[in-house]
Amino acid sequence: MLQNLATLEESILLGIQSNLRNEWLTPVFIFITRLGNGGFIWILGSILLLAPKKTRKIGVMALAALAGSVLIDNVILKNVVARTRPYEVIGGLTSLIGIQKDFSFPSGHTGSSFAVAVVMFRGLPKKFGVPALILAFLIGFSRLYVGVHYPSDVLGGALIGTGIALFVGWIGSKKFT
């Protein structure tokens, strides 16, 4: 079963590289993936939410979810699982953004994105929450497009980030109401 999953993931990544990568999409997805570097876009959005009193609670919860995601995904799970990056294992797969310094599972970019985007989706008007979720999905997909994560890394990051967001929301509802 694990071999079947590995074969499927390899096929997906090589399929993206062969069929979707092109000269006009590549700079777009490199830009999108860089938005997630260091959680920059999510930190910025969360800080902006701290200013108005009406959205301050969401800003605090978003920052808490982001911190939780970094701790669980990047500090703990990446080092425990220690999964090799796909471009190091899959013949013919190339990374569009160079060699990464950490391990592959889970995708920290995706985890952080979903942690904050789900908080925003649940706490803000849909005209802000829906674009946040769309950006989270795009950042997750960009990690496949640029060749630095397996699909299961991205799915794992999305699920963990969502779980963290829901937990933070639950804690927030207990503490602030």
C-alpha atoms as a PDB file:
ATOM      1  CA  MET A   1       0.000   0.000   0.000  1.00  0.00           C
ATOM      2  CA  LEU A   2       2.793   2.467   0.855  1.00  0.00           C
ATOM      3  CA  GLN A   3       4.470   1.638  -2.447  1.00  0.00           C
ATOM      4  CA  ASN A   4       1.201   2.412  -4.259  1.00  0.00           C
ATOM      5  CA  LEU A   5       0.985   5.771  -2.476  1.00  0.00           C
ATOM      6  CA  ALA A   6       4.605   6.555  -3.366  1.00  0.00           C
ATOM      7  CA  THR A   7       3.960   5.666  -7.005  1.00  0.00           C
ATOM      8  CA  LEU A   8       0.803   7.818  -7.071  1.00  0.00           C
ATOM      9  CA  GLU A   9       2.592  10.793  -5.516  1.00  0.00           C
ATOM     10  CA  GLU A  10       5.480  10.457  -7.952  1.00  0.00           C
ATOM     11  CA  SER A  11       3.023  10.363 -10.865  1.00  0.00           C
ATOM     12  CA  ILE A  12       1.222  13.464  -9.609  1.00  0.00           C
ATOM     13  CA  LEU A  13       4.425  15.473  -9.184  1.00  0.00           C
ATOM     14  CA  LEU A  14       5.879  14.419 -12.534  1.00  0.00           C
ATOM     15  CA  GLY A  15       2.491  15.096 -14.138  1.00  0.00           C
ATOM     16  CA  ILE A  16       2.439  18.627 -12.722  1.00  0.00           C
ATOM     17  CA  GLN A  17       6.005  19.163 -13.936  1.00  0.00           C
ATOM     18  CA  SER A  18       5.270  17.798 -17.428  1.00  0.00           C
ATOM     19  CA  ASN A  19       1.779  19.135 -18.017  1.00  0.00           C
ATOM     20  CA  LEU A  20       1.259  22.280 -15.944  1.00  0.00           C
ATOM     21  CA  ARG A  21       4.610  24.010 -15.617  1.00  0.00           C
ATOM     22  CA  ASN A  22       5.058  26.675 -18.256  1.00  0.00           C
ATOM     23  CA  GLU A  23       6.739  30.039 -18.753  1.00  0.00           C
ATOM     24  CA  TRP A  24       3.769  32.139 -17.635  1.00  0.00           C
ATOM     25  CA  LEU A  25       2.523  30.005 -14.698  1.00  0.00           C
ATOM     26  CA  THR A  26       5.945  29.376 -13.190  1.00  0.00           C
ATOM     27  CA  PRO A  27       6.603  32.968 -12.030  1.00  0.00           C
ATOM     28  CA  VAL A  28       3.046  33.147 -10.665  1.00  0.00           C
ATOM     29  CA  PHE A  29       3.460  30.010  -8.539  1.00  0.00           C
ATOM     30  CA  ILE A  30       6.953  30.982  -7.404  1.00  0.00           C
ATOM     31  CA  PHE A  31       5.472  34.302  -6.233  1.00  0.00           C
ATOM     32  CA  ILE A  32       2.600  32.508  -4.474  1.00  0.00           C
ATOM     33  CA  THR A  33       4.941  30.072  -2.743  1.00  0.00           C
ATOM     34  CA  ARG A  34       7.143  32.956  -1.578  1.00  0.00           C
ATOM     35  CA  LEU A  35       4.113  34.635   0.004  1.00  0.00           C
ATOM     36  CA  GLY A  36       4.184  31.745   2.456  1.00  0.00           C
ATOM     37  CA  ASN A  37       7.902  32.067   3.260  1.00  0.00           C
ATOM     38  CA  GLY A  38       8.274  32.556   6.990  1.00  0.00           C
ATOM     39  CA  GLY A  39       4.497  32.964   7.205  1.00  0.00           C
ATOM     40  CA  PHE A  40       5.005  36.551   6.010  1.00  0.00           C
ATOM     41  CA  ILE A  41       1.610  37.121   4.391  1.00  0.00           C
ATOM     42  CA  TRP A  42      -0.180  35.504   7.352  1.00  0.00           C
ATOM     43  CA  ILE A  43       1.780  37.465   9.943  1.00  0.00           C
ATOM     44  CA  LEU A  44       1.029  40.685   8.083  1.00  0.00           C
ATOM     45  CA  GLY A  45      -2.682  39.878   7.774  1.00  0.00           C
ATOM     46  CA  SER A  46      -2.924  38.876  11.429  1.00  0.00           C
ATOM     47  CA  ILE A  47      -1.177  42.030  12.620  1.00  0.00           C
ATOM     48  CA  LEU A  48      -3.521  44.163  10.519  1.00  0.00           C
ATOM     49  CA  LEU A  49      -6.437  42.448  12.251  1.00  0.00           C
ATOM     50  CA  LEU A  50      -5.072  43.489  15.658  1.00  0.00           C
ATOM     51  CA  ALA A  51      -5.591  47.221  14.979  1.00  0.00           C
ATOM     52  CA  PRO A  52      -9.407  47.470  14.856  1.00  0.00           C
ATOM     53  CA  LYS A  53     -11.064  46.409  18.097  1.00  0.00           C
ATOM     54  CA  LYS A  54     -13.753  44.605  16.065  1.00  0.00           C
ATOM     55  CA  THR A  55     -11.208  42.134  14.582  1.00  0.00           C
ATOM     56  CA  ARG A  56      -8.627  42.029  17.389  1.00  0.00           C
ATOM     57  CA  LYS A  57      -9.802  38.655  18.721  1.00  0.00           C
ATOM     58  CA  ILE A  58      -9.454  37.126  15.238  1.00  0.00           C
ATOM     59  CA  GLY A  59      -5.970  38.632  14.906  1.00  0.00           C
ATOM     60  CA  VAL A  60      -4.900  37.140  18.242  1.00  0.00           C
ATOM     61  CA  MET A  61      -6.367  33.748  17.334  1.00  0.00           C
ATOM     62  CA  ALA A  62      -4.711  33.856  13.894  1.00  0.00           C
ATOM     63  CA  LEU A  63      -1.309  34.569  15.455  1.00  0.00           C
ATOM     64  CA  ALA A  64      -1.853  31.801  18.016  1.00  0.00           C
ATOM     65  CA  ALA A  65      -2.796  29.354  15.243  1.00  0.00           C
ATOM     66  CA  LEU A  66       0.258  30.385  13.243  1.00  0.00           C
ATOM     67  CA  ALA A  67       2.528  29.872  16.250  1.00  0.00           C
ATOM     68  CA  GLY A  68       0.948  26.469  16.915  1.00  0.00           C
ATOM     69  CA  SER A  69       1.430  25.449  13.306  1.00  0.00           C
ATOM     70  CA  VAL A  70       5.085  26.459  13.303  1.00  0.00           C
ATOM     71  CA  LEU A  71       5.688  24.537  16.526  1.00  0.00           C
ATOM     72  CA  ILE A  72       3.865  21.365  15.489  1.00  0.00           C
ATOM     73  CA  ASP A  73       4.793  21.284  11.786  1.00  0.00           C
ATOM     74  CA  ASN A  74       8.240  22.814  11.570  1.00  0.00           C
ATOM     75  CA  VAL A  75       9.769  22.167  14.976  1.00  0.00           C
ATOM     76  CA  ILE A  76       8.270  18.800  15.923  1.00  0.00           C
ATOM     77  CA  LEU A  77       6.854  16.775  13.013  1.00  0.00           C
ATOM     78  CA  LYS A  78       9.386  17.649  10.302  1.00  0.00           C
ATOM     79  CA  ASN A  79      12.207  16.485  12.570  1.00  0.00           C
ATOM     80  CA  VAL A  80      10.408  13.394  13.883  1.00  0.00           C
ATOM     81  CA  VAL A  81       9.225  12.171  10.466  1.00  0.00           C
ATOM     82  CA  ALA A  82      12.401  13.349   8.644  1.00  0.00           C
ATOM     83  CA  ARG A  83      10.959  12.739   5.181  1.00  0.00           C
ATOM     84  CA  THR A  84      13.304  13.373   2.272  1.00  0.00           C
ATOM     85  CA  ARG A  85      12.239  16.030  -0.243  1.00  0.00           C
ATOM     86  CA  PRO A  86      10.709  14.607  -3.434  1.00  0.00           C
ATOM     87  CA  TYR A  87      13.240  16.192  -5.813  1.00  0.00           C
ATOM     88  CA  GLU A  88      15.957  14.219  -3.974  1.00  0.00           C
ATOM     89  CA  VAL A  89      14.184  10.902  -4.588  1.00  0.00           C
ATOM     90  CA  ILE A  90      12.074  11.134  -7.745  1.00  0.00           C
ATOM     91  CA  GLY A  91      14.161  10.839 -10.889  1.00  0.00           C
ATOM     92  CA  GLY A  92      13.613  13.772 -13.246  1.00  0.00           C
ATOM     93  CA  LEU A  93      11.752  15.983 -10.745  1.00  0.00           C
ATOM     94  CA  THR A  94      13.293  19.418 -10.328  1.00  0.00           C
ATOM     95  CA  SER A  95      12.802  22.043  -7.663  1.00  0.00           C
ATOM     96  CA  LEU A  96      12.055  25.483  -9.079  1.00  0.00           C
ATOM     97  CA  ILE A  97      13.155  27.203  -5.864  1.00  0.00           C
ATOM     98  CA  GLY A  98      16.367  25.402  -5.032  1.00  0.00           C
ATOM     99  CA  ILE A  99      17.360  23.088  -2.247  1.00  0.00           C
ATOM    100  CA  GLN A 100      15.296  23.313   0.942  1.00  0.00           C
ATOM    101  CA  LYS A 101      17.040  23.201   4.322  1.00  0.00           C
ATOM    102  CA  ASP A 102      14.475  21.173   6.223  1.00  0.00           C
ATOM    103  CA  PHE A 103      12.518  17.967   5.791  1.00  0.00           C
ATOM    104  CA  SER A 104       9.411  17.473   3.692  1.00  0.00           C
ATOM    105  CA  PHE A 105       6.542  16.275   5.932  1.00  0.00           C
ATOM    106  CA  PRO A 106       4.361  18.143   6.672  1.00  0.00           C
ATOM    107  CA  SER A 107       4.358  21.221   4.472  1.00  0.00           C
ATOM    108  CA  GLY A 108       4.965  24.128   6.834  1.00  0.00           C
ATOM    109  CA  HIS A 109       3.826  26.640   4.212  1.00  0.00           C
ATOM    110  CA  THR A 110       0.520  24.793   3.866  1.00  0.00           C
ATOM    111  CA  GLY A 111       0.077  24.211   7.590  1.00  0.00           C
ATOM    112  CA  SER A 112       0.634  27.871   8.431  1.00  0.00           C
ATOM    113  CA  SER A 113      -1.610  28.973   5.600  1.00  0.00           C
ATOM    114  CA  PHE A 114      -4.522  26.793   6.661  1.00  0.00           C
ATOM    115  CA  ALA A 115      -4.056  27.562  10.356  1.00  0.00           C
ATOM    116  CA  VAL A 116      -4.533  31.281   9.742  1.00  0.00           C
ATOM    117  CA  ALA A 117      -6.932  31.075   6.788  1.00  0.00           C
ATOM    118  CA  VAL A 118      -9.387  28.839   8.660  1.00  0.00           C
ATOM    119  CA  VAL A 119      -9.363  31.233  11.633  1.00  0.00           C
ATOM    120  CA  MET A 120     -10.060  34.091   9.208  1.00  0.00           C
ATOM    121  CA  PHE A 121     -12.729  32.128   7.353  1.00  0.00           C
ATOM    122  CA  ARG A 122     -14.567  31.309  10.563  1.00  0.00           C
ATOM    123  CA  GLY A 123     -14.230  34.738  12.157  1.00  0.00           C
ATOM    124  CA  LEU A 124     -14.374  37.311   9.392  1.00  0.00           C
ATOM    125  CA  PRO A 125     -17.002  38.174   6.804  1.00  0.00           C
ATOM    126  CA  LYS A 126     -16.872  35.770   3.861  1.00  0.00           C
ATOM    127  CA  LYS A 127     -15.532  38.522   1.551  1.00  0.00           C
ATOM    128  CA  PHE A 128     -12.286  38.238   3.579  1.00  0.00           C
ATOM    129  CA  GLY A 129     -12.461  34.614   4.738  1.00  0.00           C
ATOM    130  CA  VAL A 130     -13.021  33.038   1.331  1.00  0.00           C
ATOM    131  CA  PRO A 131     -10.012  34.784  -0.301  1.00  0.00           C
ATOM    132  CA  ALA A 132      -7.886  33.715   2.683  1.00  0.00           C
ATOM    133  CA  LEU A 133      -8.876  30.072   2.103  1.00  0.00           C
ATOM    134  CA  ILE A 134      -8.272  30.380  -1.637  1.00  0.00           C
ATOM    135  CA  LEU A 135      -4.796  31.765  -0.940  1.00  0.00           C
ATOM    136  CA  ALA A 136      -4.121  28.878   1.460  1.00  0.00           C
ATOM    137  CA  PHE A 137      -5.102  26.371  -1.247  1.00  0.00           C
ATOM    138  CA  LEU A 138      -2.930  28.177  -3.801  1.00  0.00           C
ATOM    139  CA  ILE A 139       0.076  28.210  -1.465  1.00  0.00           C
ATOM    140  CA  GLY A 140      -0.407  24.498  -0.827  1.00  0.00           C
ATOM    141  CA  PHE A 141      -0.635  23.728  -4.542  1.00  0.00           C
ATOM    142  CA  SER A 142       2.371  25.960  -5.234  1.00  0.00           C
ATOM    143  CA  ARG A 143       4.494  23.647  -3.078  1.00  0.00           C
ATOM    144  CA  LEU A 144       3.645  20.803  -5.472  1.00  0.00           C
ATOM    145  CA  TYR A 145       4.116  22.999  -8.540  1.00  0.00           C
ATOM    146  CA  VAL A 146       7.616  24.091  -7.504  1.00  0.00           C
ATOM    147  CA  GLY A 147       8.505  20.463  -6.701  1.00  0.00           C
ATOM    148  CA  VAL A 148       9.422  20.674  -3.014  1.00  0.00           C
ATOM    149  CA  HIS A 149       6.629  18.625  -1.410  1.00  0.00           C
ATOM    150  CA  TYR A 150       4.721  15.421  -1.920  1.00  0.00           C
ATOM    151  CA  PRO A 151       0.920  15.668  -2.150  1.00  0.00           C
ATOM    152  CA  SER A 152       0.647  13.931   1.244  1.00  0.00           C
ATOM    153  CA  ASP A 153       2.915  16.620   2.768  1.00  0.00           C
ATOM    154  CA  VAL A 154       0.510  19.296   1.555  1.00  0.00           C
ATOM    155  CA  LEU A 155      -2.571  17.345   2.628  1.00  0.00           C
ATOM    156  CA  GLY A 156      -0.990  16.711   6.035  1.00  0.00           C
ATOM    157  CA  GLY A 157      -0.134  20.406   6.426  1.00  0.00           C
ATOM    158  CA  ALA A 158      -3.673  21.416   5.466  1.00  0.00           C
ATOM    159  CA  LEU A 159      -5.256  18.978   7.923  1.00  0.00           C
ATOM    160  CA  ILE A 160      -2.916  19.881  10.768  1.00  0.00           C
ATOM    161  CA  GLY A 161      -3.326  23.615  10.134  1.00  0.00           C
ATOM    162  CA  THR A 162      -7.104  23.240  10.035  1.00  0.00           C
ATOM    163  CA  GLY A 163      -7.073  21.222  13.248  1.00  0.00           C
ATOM    164  CA  ILE A 164      -4.962  23.848  14.974  1.00  0.00           C
ATOM    165  CA  ALA A 165      -7.301  26.609  13.765  1.00  0.00           C
ATOM    166  CA  LEU A 166     -10.339  24.743  15.083  1.00  0.00           C
ATOM    167  CA  PHE A 167      -8.611  24.123  18.415  1.00  0.00           C
ATOM    168  CA  VAL A 168      -7.609  27.780  18.734  1.00  0.00           C
ATOM    169  CA  GLY A 169     -11.178  28.778  17.861  1.00  0.00           C
ATOM    170  CA  TRP A 170     -12.520  26.453  20.550  1.00  0.00           C
ATOM    171  CA  ILE A 171     -10.082  27.851  23.132  1.00  0.00           C
ATOM    172  CA  GLY A 172     -10.957  31.388  21.994  1.00  0.00           C
ATOM    173  CA  SER A 173     -14.645  30.743  22.452  1.00  0.00           C
ATOM    174  CA  LYS A 174     -14.006  29.522  25.999  1.00  0.00           C
ATOM    175  CA  LYS A 175     -11.632  32.317  26.978  1.00  0.00           C
ATOM    176  CA  PHE A 176     -13.226  35.353  25.350  1.00  0.00           C
ATOM    177  CA  THR A 177     -16.963  34.733  25.729  1.00  0.00           C
END
